[in-house]
Amino acid sequence: MRTRPLKVALLGCGVVGSEVARIMTTHADDLAARIGAPVELAGVAVRRPSKVREGIDPALITTDATALVKRGDIDVVVEVIGGIEPARTLITTAFEHGASVVSANKALLAQDGAALHAAAEANSKDLYYEAAVAGAIPLIRPLRESLAGDKVNRVLGIVNGTTNFILDKMDSTGAGYQEALDEATALGYAEADPTADVEGFDAAAKAAILAGIAFHTRVRLDDVYREGMTEVTSADFASAREMGCTIKLLAICERAGDGASVTARVHPAMIPLTHPLASVRGAYNAVFVESDASGQLMFYGPGAGGSPTASAVLGDLVAVCRNRLSGATGPGESAYAALPVSPMGDVVTRYHISLDVADKPGVLAQVATVFAEHGVSIDTVRQQGKDGEASLVVVTHRASDAALGGTVEALRKLDTVRGVASIMRVEGE
């Protein structure tokens, strides 16, 4: 074993960063044995140096992250500060000064992953980011390496623990959205401002990363259709149960049937209770992968939190340090397929539409005619009426998002349709 340690600079020492530092210290001997050399925490860049950080030598603390990554003796930079800047500049500076990088920064990778990969390649350094998607769940490495010889057709997953906790509570207890959100906040699953989670921004960034790796195509955050879950109601869950379904906020990355394009989207969807993702409870994550040779695979586990995310960071750190010792680099960006990303209007799926209508003869015939005129085939219809008002629930066969949009617009113009109560996609057939 080499006795000279590999030096690690840590950018950020919050919930994840502090766990990375703790594991590096408490598991130092095991990490050295697995890598073939000791690893040494050489510096920790933070914004508030006065904060007490148990187990970390105060002499390692600095507020000058730029100076830290420019040190010529740093072998690996671990970036867990998040956000776009200064993280982007610090990462590229680290490459230029001879360090490889391990990052958990999903937002930056979804927005500028191609540029970061190019910077790593230009400097013959590694860029690893297992912790950017689904916390401790090994997902990026299996997609990038284990399935490198296979053709992935679909990635369907629950990649945000906060939203899954909220929807699970609504389903299992009958709670409303706000009540379930308040509980998630009290338990620490939701931030004080939960927008990034409940509006799907967090999941969309992860979908962009997954789609890019799965389909060997550059997919940016702007390419991902995003729809939040704040409008999901108890009535939606009641309708889902009547269909033998539940509701999840899903990240869905698909290769088109002809293989000529891909799509990436995040939105609430009904999935059958028989689907493996339906049983994912609480704040857990799970990702379902469908490929030609391997068939169906599911990856499941805790998708967030200090220890699970730190576990993924340390896994990458071990891999990068091994590469450093051997003088090699691991897999870089694979975007050779360069497939176009289709707009949401081209996506084909089933739909569950709930309409408020007048309770009188001929309404169902009018509604069915509108669906037929727009080329949307109806699978089932359920109608309930009372005191001159009725609800009409229509479940379609597979149709494009554009066709469904035209159908709904035409339905709104009918005098007998009082309003569209809800529209939800049905996935996981």
Protein backbone atom coordinates (compact mmCIF):
# COMPACT_ATOMS: atom_id res chain seq x y z
CA MET A 1 0.00 0.00 0.00
CA ARG A 2 1.19 3.50 -0.80
CA THR A 3 1.89 5.46 2.37
CA ARG A 4 1.62 8.98 0.95
CA PRO A 5 -2.03 9.97 1.36
CA LEU A 6 -4.36 11.15 -1.37
CA LYS A 7 -5.56 14.62 -0.39
CA VAL A 8 -9.23 15.56 -0.49
CA ALA A 9 -10.73 19.05 -0.46
CA LEU A 10 -14.33 19.27 0.77
CA LEU A 11 -16.52 22.11 -0.51
CA GLY A 12 -19.45 22.45 1.86
CA CYS A 13 -19.92 21.06 5.34
CA GLY A 14 -23.66 20.95 5.86
CA VAL A 15 -25.79 17.85 6.39
CA VAL A 16 -24.04 15.89 3.63
CA GLY A 17 -20.57 17.39 3.89
CA SER A 18 -20.30 16.81 7.61
CA GLU A 19 -21.26 13.15 7.11
CA VAL A 20 -18.62 12.79 4.39
CA ALA A 21 -16.00 14.18 6.77
CA ARG A 22 -17.18 11.92 9.60
CA ILE A 23 -17.08 8.75 7.49
CA MET A 24 -13.66 9.66 6.09
CA THR A 25 -12.40 9.88 9.67
CA THR A 26 -14.17 6.93 11.30
CA HIS A 27 -13.63 4.56 8.34
CA ALA A 28 -10.15 5.78 7.47
CA ASP A 29 -8.48 2.36 7.74
CA ASP A 30 -11.12 0.59 5.65
CA LEU A 31 -11.04 3.31 2.99
CA ALA A 32 -7.25 3.08 2.80
CA ALA A 33 -7.42 -0.70 2.40
CA ARG A 34 -10.03 -0.44 -0.37
CA ILE A 35 -8.23 2.32 -2.23
CA GLY A 36 -4.64 1.19 -1.76
CA ALA A 37 -3.53 4.41 -0.08
CA PRO A 38 -4.70 6.59 2.81
CA VAL A 39 -7.05 9.49 2.12
CA GLU A 40 -6.56 12.73 4.00
CA LEU A 41 -9.03 15.57 4.44
CA ALA A 42 -6.81 18.48 3.45
CA GLY A 43 -9.26 21.37 3.70
CA VAL A 44 -12.94 22.22 4.17
CA ALA A 45 -14.45 25.31 2.54
CA VAL A 46 -17.45 26.80 4.36
CA ARG A 47 -19.40 30.06 4.48
CA ARG A 48 -19.60 30.31 8.29
CA PRO A 49 -16.20 29.47 9.80
CA SER A 50 -17.31 30.25 13.38
CA LYS A 51 -19.74 27.31 13.47
CA VAL A 52 -18.52 24.39 15.60
CA ARG A 53 -18.04 21.28 13.45
CA GLU A 54 -17.54 18.26 15.65
CA GLY A 55 -14.72 15.94 14.58
CA ILE A 56 -13.16 18.39 12.10
CA ASP A 57 -9.86 20.07 12.90
CA PRO A 58 -10.56 23.84 12.94
CA ALA A 59 -7.25 24.35 11.14
CA LEU A 60 -8.79 22.74 8.04
CA ILE A 61 -11.64 25.24 7.84
CA THR A 62 -11.42 28.02 5.25
CA THR A 63 -13.75 30.49 3.59
CA ASP A 64 -11.54 30.72 0.50
CA ALA A 65 -12.83 27.84 -1.62
CA THR A 66 -11.01 29.11 -4.71
CA ALA A 67 -7.63 29.01 -3.00
CA LEU A 68 -8.38 25.52 -1.71
CA VAL A 69 -9.16 24.03 -5.14
CA LYS A 70 -6.13 25.78 -6.66
CA ARG A 71 -3.72 24.04 -4.32
CA GLY A 72 -1.46 21.87 -6.39
CA ASP A 73 -1.44 19.02 -3.86
CA ILE A 74 -5.22 18.32 -3.93
CA ASP A 75 -6.08 15.01 -5.59
CA VAL A 76 -9.88 15.05 -5.32
CA VAL A 77 -12.39 17.84 -4.73
CA VAL A 78 -15.73 16.81 -3.22
CA GLU A 79 -18.40 19.41 -4.03
CA VAL A 80 -21.56 19.34 -1.90
CA ILE A 81 -22.45 23.05 -1.77
CA GLY A 82 -25.13 22.83 -4.48
CA GLY A 83 -26.42 25.55 -6.77
CA ILE A 84 -24.93 26.83 -10.02
CA GLU A 85 -22.35 29.36 -8.85
CA PRO A 86 -19.80 29.33 -7.34
CA ALA A 87 -19.93 25.52 -7.74
CA ARG A 88 -19.45 25.58 -11.53
CA THR A 89 -16.40 27.83 -11.38
CA LEU A 90 -14.89 25.90 -8.47
CA ILE A 91 -15.27 22.57 -10.29
CA THR A 92 -13.71 23.77 -13.52
CA THR A 93 -10.91 25.44 -11.53
CA ALA A 94 -10.27 22.15 -9.73
CA PHE A 95 -9.87 20.34 -13.06
CA GLU A 96 -7.48 23.01 -14.33
CA HIS A 97 -5.32 22.63 -11.22
CA GLY A 98 -5.03 18.86 -11.38
CA ALA A 99 -7.87 17.54 -9.19
CA SER A 100 -10.65 15.12 -10.06
CA VAL A 101 -14.15 15.95 -8.79
CA VAL A 102 -16.94 14.13 -6.96
CA SER A 103 -20.18 16.11 -6.93
CA ALA A 104 -23.73 15.77 -5.61
CA ASN A 105 -24.92 18.83 -7.54
CA LYS A 106 -27.94 17.73 -9.59
CA ALA A 107 -28.97 21.25 -10.60
CA LEU A 108 -25.56 22.10 -12.03
CA LEU A 109 -25.14 18.75 -13.77
CA ALA A 110 -28.60 19.00 -15.34
CA GLN A 111 -27.86 22.48 -16.63
CA ASP A 112 -24.17 22.31 -17.56
CA GLY A 113 -23.19 18.65 -17.47
CA ALA A 114 -21.79 18.69 -21.01
CA ALA A 115 -19.45 21.61 -20.24
CA LEU A 116 -18.28 20.00 -16.99
CA HIS A 117 -17.58 16.70 -18.73
CA ALA A 118 -15.66 18.56 -21.44
CA ALA A 119 -13.55 20.33 -18.80
CA ALA A 120 -12.82 17.03 -17.07
CA GLU A 121 -11.82 15.38 -20.34
CA ALA A 122 -9.65 18.32 -21.41
CA ASN A 123 -7.67 17.95 -18.19
CA SER A 124 -7.73 14.11 -18.11
CA LYS A 125 -9.61 14.06 -14.82
CA ASP A 126 -12.65 12.27 -13.42
CA LEU A 127 -16.12 13.71 -12.83
CA TYR A 128 -18.29 11.36 -10.73
CA TYR A 129 -21.78 12.19 -9.39
CA GLU A 130 -23.62 9.12 -8.10
CA ALA A 131 -24.99 11.18 -5.20
CA ALA A 132 -26.73 13.63 -7.55
CA VAL A 133 -29.61 11.21 -8.19
CA ALA A 134 -31.49 9.08 -5.63
CA GLY A 135 -29.07 9.40 -2.70
CA ALA A 136 -27.59 6.09 -1.62
CA ILE A 137 -29.25 4.06 -4.38
CA PRO A 138 -26.62 2.82 -6.87
CA LEU A 139 -28.15 4.02 -10.12
CA ILE A 140 -25.79 6.11 -12.23
CA ARG A 141 -23.00 3.54 -12.17
CA PRO A 142 -25.31 0.63 -13.17
CA LEU A 143 -26.72 2.70 -16.03
CA ARG A 144 -23.32 3.94 -17.15
CA GLU A 145 -21.31 0.75 -16.64
CA SER A 146 -23.34 -2.38 -15.80
CA LEU A 147 -25.85 -1.75 -18.61
CA ALA A 148 -23.30 -0.31 -21.04
CA GLY A 149 -23.81 -3.27 -23.36
CA ASP A 150 -27.60 -3.14 -23.19
CA LYS A 151 -30.20 -0.83 -24.76
CA VAL A 152 -32.23 1.04 -22.15
CA ASN A 153 -35.72 1.93 -23.36
CA ARG A 154 -37.36 3.44 -20.31
CA VAL A 155 -36.48 4.80 -16.88
CA LEU A 156 -39.49 5.35 -14.61
CA GLY A 157 -38.97 6.42 -11.04
CA ILE A 158 -39.79 8.10 -7.76
CA VAL A 159 -36.73 10.30 -7.26
CA ASN A 160 -37.88 12.76 -4.60
CA GLY A 161 -38.53 11.54 -1.07
CA THR A 162 -40.42 14.64 0.08
CA THR A 163 -43.12 14.34 -2.57
CA ASN A 164 -43.42 10.60 -2.08
CA PHE A 165 -43.92 11.09 1.66
CA ILE A 166 -46.67 13.66 1.06
CA LEU A 167 -48.51 11.58 -1.55
CA ASP A 168 -48.19 8.44 0.55
CA LYS A 169 -49.75 10.25 3.52
CA MET A 170 -52.59 11.54 1.37
CA ASP A 171 -53.22 8.02 0.10
CA SER A 172 -52.90 6.09 3.36
CA THR A 173 -54.60 8.54 5.76
CA GLY A 174 -56.91 10.59 3.56
CA ALA A 175 -55.08 13.78 4.51
CA GLY A 176 -55.25 16.81 2.26
CA TYR A 177 -52.17 18.17 0.51
CA GLN A 178 -51.47 20.96 3.00
CA GLU A 179 -51.92 18.68 6.01
CA ALA A 180 -49.50 16.12 4.56
CA LEU A 181 -47.00 18.87 3.67
CA ASP A 182 -47.15 20.25 7.22
CA GLU A 183 -46.33 16.80 8.61
CA ALA A 184 -43.46 16.39 6.15
CA THR A 185 -42.08 19.76 7.25
CA ALA A 186 -42.40 18.91 10.95
CA LEU A 187 -40.51 15.65 10.41
CA GLY A 188 -37.74 17.36 8.45
CA TYR A 189 -38.60 15.78 5.10
CA ALA A 190 -39.65 19.11 3.56
CA GLU A 191 -37.71 22.39 3.54
CA ALA A 192 -39.22 25.61 4.86
CA ASP A 193 -39.68 26.50 1.19
CA PRO A 194 -40.67 23.20 -0.46
CA THR A 195 -41.04 24.63 -3.98
CA ALA A 196 -38.12 22.76 -5.52
CA ASP A 197 -39.62 19.46 -4.38
CA VAL A 198 -43.39 19.87 -4.74
CA GLU A 199 -43.21 21.73 -8.06
CA GLY A 200 -40.97 19.03 -9.54
CA PHE A 201 -37.77 21.05 -10.09
CA ASP A 202 -35.63 18.62 -8.08
CA ALA A 203 -37.04 15.58 -9.88
CA ALA A 204 -36.68 17.29 -13.28
CA ALA A 205 -32.95 17.85 -12.74
CA LYS A 206 -32.54 14.18 -11.87
CA ALA A 207 -34.59 13.16 -14.90
CA ALA A 208 -32.27 15.15 -17.17
CA ILE A 209 -29.23 13.37 -15.75
CA LEU A 210 -30.83 9.91 -15.99
CA ALA A 211 -32.07 10.44 -19.54
CA GLY A 212 -28.66 11.62 -20.71
CA ILE A 213 -26.91 8.55 -19.30
CA ALA A 214 -29.59 6.03 -20.29
CA PHE A 215 -29.92 7.19 -23.89
CA HIS A 216 -26.36 8.44 -24.59
CA THR A 217 -27.82 11.83 -25.45
CA ARG A 218 -27.37 15.28 -24.00
CA VAL A 219 -30.53 16.15 -22.10
CA ARG A 220 -30.64 19.47 -20.26
CA LEU A 221 -33.01 20.63 -17.58
CA ASP A 222 -34.84 22.82 -20.11
CA ASP A 223 -35.63 19.69 -22.14
CA VAL A 224 -37.60 18.13 -19.29
CA TYR A 225 -41.35 18.71 -19.08
CA ARG A 226 -42.23 19.52 -15.47
CA GLU A 227 -45.53 19.55 -13.61
CA GLY A 228 -45.81 19.80 -9.82
CA MET A 229 -48.12 17.95 -7.45
CA THR A 230 -49.71 20.79 -5.49
CA GLU A 231 -53.05 20.36 -7.28
CA VAL A 232 -53.43 16.67 -6.39
CA THR A 233 -56.49 16.22 -4.17
CA SER A 234 -58.10 13.59 -1.96
CA ALA A 235 -60.72 13.21 -4.71
CA ASP A 236 -57.95 12.24 -7.14
CA PHE A 237 -56.85 9.50 -4.77
CA ALA A 238 -60.42 8.29 -4.45
CA SER A 239 -60.64 8.06 -8.25
CA ALA A 240 -57.31 6.28 -8.37
CA ARG A 241 -58.47 3.70 -5.84
CA GLU A 242 -61.57 3.01 -7.91
CA MET A 243 -59.23 2.14 -10.79
CA GLY A 244 -56.98 -0.01 -8.61
CA CYS A 245 -54.26 2.65 -8.70
CA THR A 246 -52.38 5.10 -6.51
CA ILE A 247 -50.71 8.42 -7.37
CA LYS A 248 -46.97 9.12 -7.47
CA LEU A 249 -44.84 12.01 -8.73
CA LEU A 250 -42.83 10.25 -11.42
CA ALA A 251 -39.73 11.04 -13.43
CA ILE A 252 -40.15 9.31 -16.79
CA CYS A 253 -37.46 9.04 -19.45
CA GLU A 254 -38.41 7.13 -22.60
CA ARG A 255 -37.01 6.17 -25.94
CA ALA A 256 -39.58 6.58 -28.74
CA GLY A 257 -40.98 3.39 -30.26
CA ASP A 258 -38.99 3.93 -33.47
CA GLY A 259 -35.84 4.71 -31.47
CA ALA A 260 -35.42 8.05 -33.24
CA SER A 261 -36.02 10.37 -30.26
CA VAL A 262 -36.37 10.50 -26.49
CA THR A 263 -38.57 12.27 -23.98
CA ALA A 264 -38.06 13.27 -20.35
CA ARG A 265 -40.85 14.43 -18.07
CA VAL A 266 -41.90 14.83 -14.44
CA HIS A 267 -45.53 14.91 -13.33
CA PRO A 268 -48.05 13.21 -11.01
CA ALA A 269 -49.48 10.02 -12.46
CA MET A 270 -51.76 7.17 -11.51
CA ILE A 271 -50.01 3.79 -11.47
CA PRO A 272 -51.59 0.38 -10.87
CA LEU A 273 -51.26 -1.04 -7.38
CA THR A 274 -49.68 -4.10 -9.01
CA HIS A 275 -46.73 -2.06 -10.25
CA PRO A 276 -43.60 -2.28 -8.04
CA LEU A 277 -43.42 1.51 -7.69
CA ALA A 278 -46.88 1.62 -6.12
CA SER A 279 -45.57 -0.01 -2.95
CA VAL A 280 -42.79 2.55 -2.38
CA ARG A 281 -43.79 4.26 0.87
CA GLY A 282 -42.70 7.21 2.94
CA ALA A 283 -39.62 9.17 1.89
CA TYR A 284 -38.08 6.30 -0.06
CA ASN A 285 -37.05 6.44 -3.72
CA ALA A 286 -37.22 3.75 -6.39
CA VAL A 287 -36.33 3.65 -10.07
CA PHE A 288 -37.64 1.12 -12.55
CA VAL A 289 -35.45 0.47 -15.61
CA GLU A 290 -36.60 -1.36 -18.74
CA SER A 291 -34.00 -2.56 -21.26
CA ASP A 292 -33.76 -4.97 -24.17
CA ALA A 293 -31.52 -7.65 -22.70
CA SER A 294 -31.93 -7.23 -18.94
CA GLY A 295 -35.69 -6.76 -19.02
CA GLN A 296 -37.06 -5.01 -15.96
CA LEU A 297 -34.86 -3.89 -13.06
CA MET A 298 -35.77 -1.91 -9.95
CA PHE A 299 -33.45 0.06 -7.68
CA TYR A 300 -34.86 0.97 -4.25
CA GLY A 301 -33.68 2.71 -1.11
CA PRO A 302 -33.36 5.99 0.82
CA GLY A 303 -33.03 8.80 -1.70
CA ALA A 304 -31.94 11.67 0.53
CA GLY A 305 -30.46 12.57 3.91
CA GLY A 306 -26.95 13.08 5.17
CA SER A 307 -25.79 9.50 5.64
CA PRO A 308 -27.35 7.95 2.48
CA THR A 309 -26.05 10.75 0.25
CA ALA A 310 -22.64 10.66 1.92
CA SER A 311 -22.52 6.93 1.22
CA ALA A 312 -22.86 7.62 -2.50
CA VAL A 313 -20.23 10.37 -2.31
CA LEU A 314 -17.77 8.05 -0.57
CA GLY A 315 -18.39 5.33 -3.16
CA ASP A 316 -17.40 7.77 -5.87
CA LEU A 317 -14.44 8.96 -3.83
CA VAL A 318 -13.09 5.42 -3.59
CA ALA A 319 -13.48 4.91 -7.35
CA VAL A 320 -11.83 8.22 -8.23
CA CYS A 321 -8.94 7.62 -5.82
CA ARG A 322 -8.33 4.16 -7.32
CA ASN A 323 -8.24 5.75 -10.76
CA ARG A 324 -5.84 8.36 -9.46
CA LEU A 325 -3.44 5.69 -8.21
CA SER A 326 -3.55 3.74 -11.46
CA GLY A 327 -3.16 6.81 -13.64
CA ALA A 328 -6.47 6.13 -15.39
CA THR A 329 -9.82 7.86 -15.61
CA GLY A 330 -13.29 6.35 -15.44
CA PRO A 331 -16.13 6.66 -17.95
CA GLY A 332 -16.80 10.18 -19.16
CA GLU A 333 -19.80 11.58 -20.99
CA SER A 334 -21.41 9.27 -23.53
CA ALA A 335 -23.52 11.36 -25.90
CA TYR A 336 -22.75 9.64 -29.18
CA ALA A 337 -26.42 8.88 -29.96
CA ALA A 338 -27.31 12.59 -30.00
CA LEU A 339 -31.03 11.80 -30.21
CA PRO A 340 -33.48 14.70 -30.39
CA VAL A 341 -35.64 15.33 -27.32
CA SER A 342 -39.28 15.38 -28.36
CA PRO A 343 -41.71 17.92 -26.87
CA MET A 344 -44.38 16.90 -24.40
CA GLY A 345 -47.05 17.18 -27.08
CA ASP A 346 -45.63 14.07 -28.76
CA VAL A 347 -45.78 11.94 -25.62
CA VAL A 348 -48.32 9.11 -25.81
CA THR A 349 -49.95 7.78 -22.66
CA ARG A 350 -53.35 7.07 -21.04
CA TYR A 351 -55.37 9.78 -19.31
CA HIS A 352 -57.87 10.03 -16.48
CA ILE A 353 -60.17 13.05 -16.93
CA SER A 354 -62.79 14.13 -14.40
CA LEU A 355 -65.50 16.49 -15.70
CA ASP A 356 -68.27 18.38 -13.93
CA VAL A 357 -71.28 18.19 -16.25
CA ALA A 358 -75.00 18.85 -16.35
CA ASP A 359 -77.06 15.84 -15.29
CA LYS A 360 -79.31 15.46 -18.30
CA PRO A 361 -79.72 13.15 -21.31
CA GLY A 362 -77.25 13.45 -24.18
CA VAL A 363 -74.28 14.74 -22.18
CA LEU A 364 -72.32 11.51 -22.47
CA ALA A 365 -72.95 11.40 -26.22
CA GLN A 366 -71.67 14.98 -26.62
CA VAL A 367 -68.53 14.26 -24.63
CA ALA A 368 -67.85 11.03 -26.52
CA THR A 369 -68.23 12.87 -29.84
CA VAL A 370 -65.58 15.42 -28.82
CA PHE A 371 -63.13 12.64 -27.93
CA ALA A 372 -63.81 10.89 -31.24
CA GLU A 373 -63.35 14.10 -33.26
CA HIS A 374 -59.88 14.53 -31.78
CA GLY A 375 -58.84 10.92 -32.33
CA VAL A 376 -58.77 10.01 -28.65
CA SER A 377 -60.21 6.57 -27.92
CA ILE A 378 -62.18 6.07 -24.69
CA ASP A 379 -61.45 3.02 -22.53
CA THR A 380 -63.99 3.45 -19.71
CA VAL A 381 -66.58 6.01 -18.58
CA ARG A 382 -68.13 6.42 -15.13
CA GLN A 383 -70.97 8.88 -14.44
CA GLN A 384 -72.64 9.93 -11.21
CA GLY A 385 -75.42 12.49 -10.96
CA LYS A 386 -77.49 14.32 -8.37
CA ASP A 387 -79.69 17.43 -8.29
CA GLY A 388 -79.01 18.47 -11.86
CA GLU A 389 -75.22 18.17 -11.60
CA ALA A 390 -73.01 15.19 -12.37
CA SER A 391 -69.42 14.06 -12.51
CA LEU A 392 -68.14 12.22 -15.54
CA VAL A 393 -64.87 10.29 -15.32
CA VAL A 394 -63.28 9.26 -18.61
CA VAL A 395 -60.24 6.98 -18.90
CA THR A 396 -58.69 6.97 -22.37
CA HIS A 397 -56.63 4.52 -24.32
CA ARG A 398 -53.15 5.77 -25.24
CA ALA A 399 -53.18 9.19 -26.89
CA SER A 400 -50.72 12.00 -27.49
CA ASP A 401 -50.54 14.90 -25.08
CA ALA A 402 -51.33 17.26 -27.96
CA ALA A 403 -54.46 15.32 -28.94
CA LEU A 404 -55.65 15.24 -25.34
CA GLY A 405 -55.02 18.98 -25.00
CA GLY A 406 -57.19 19.68 -28.05
CA THR A 407 -59.89 17.42 -26.66
CA VAL A 408 -60.00 19.20 -23.30
CA GLU A 409 -60.08 22.61 -24.96
CA ALA A 410 -63.11 21.51 -27.02
CA LEU A 411 -64.82 20.01 -23.96
CA ARG A 412 -64.57 23.33 -22.13
CA LYS A 413 -66.63 24.92 -24.90
CA LEU A 414 -69.59 22.58 -24.41
CA ASP A 415 -72.53 24.19 -22.60
CA THR A 416 -73.11 20.93 -20.73
CA VAL A 417 -69.57 20.80 -19.31
CA ARG A 418 -69.37 22.95 -16.17
CA GLY A 419 -65.63 22.44 -15.74
CA VAL A 420 -62.66 20.10 -15.88
CA ALA A 421 -62.07 18.95 -12.31
CA SER A 422 -58.80 17.13 -12.95
CA ILE A 423 -56.59 15.59 -15.61
CA MET A 424 -54.02 12.95 -14.72
CA ARG A 425 -51.85 10.66 -16.75
CA VAL A 426 -51.95 6.91 -16.17
CA GLU A 427 -48.54 5.18 -16.31
CA GLY A 428 -46.95 1.84 -15.52
CA GLU A 429 -49.14 -0.40 -17.61
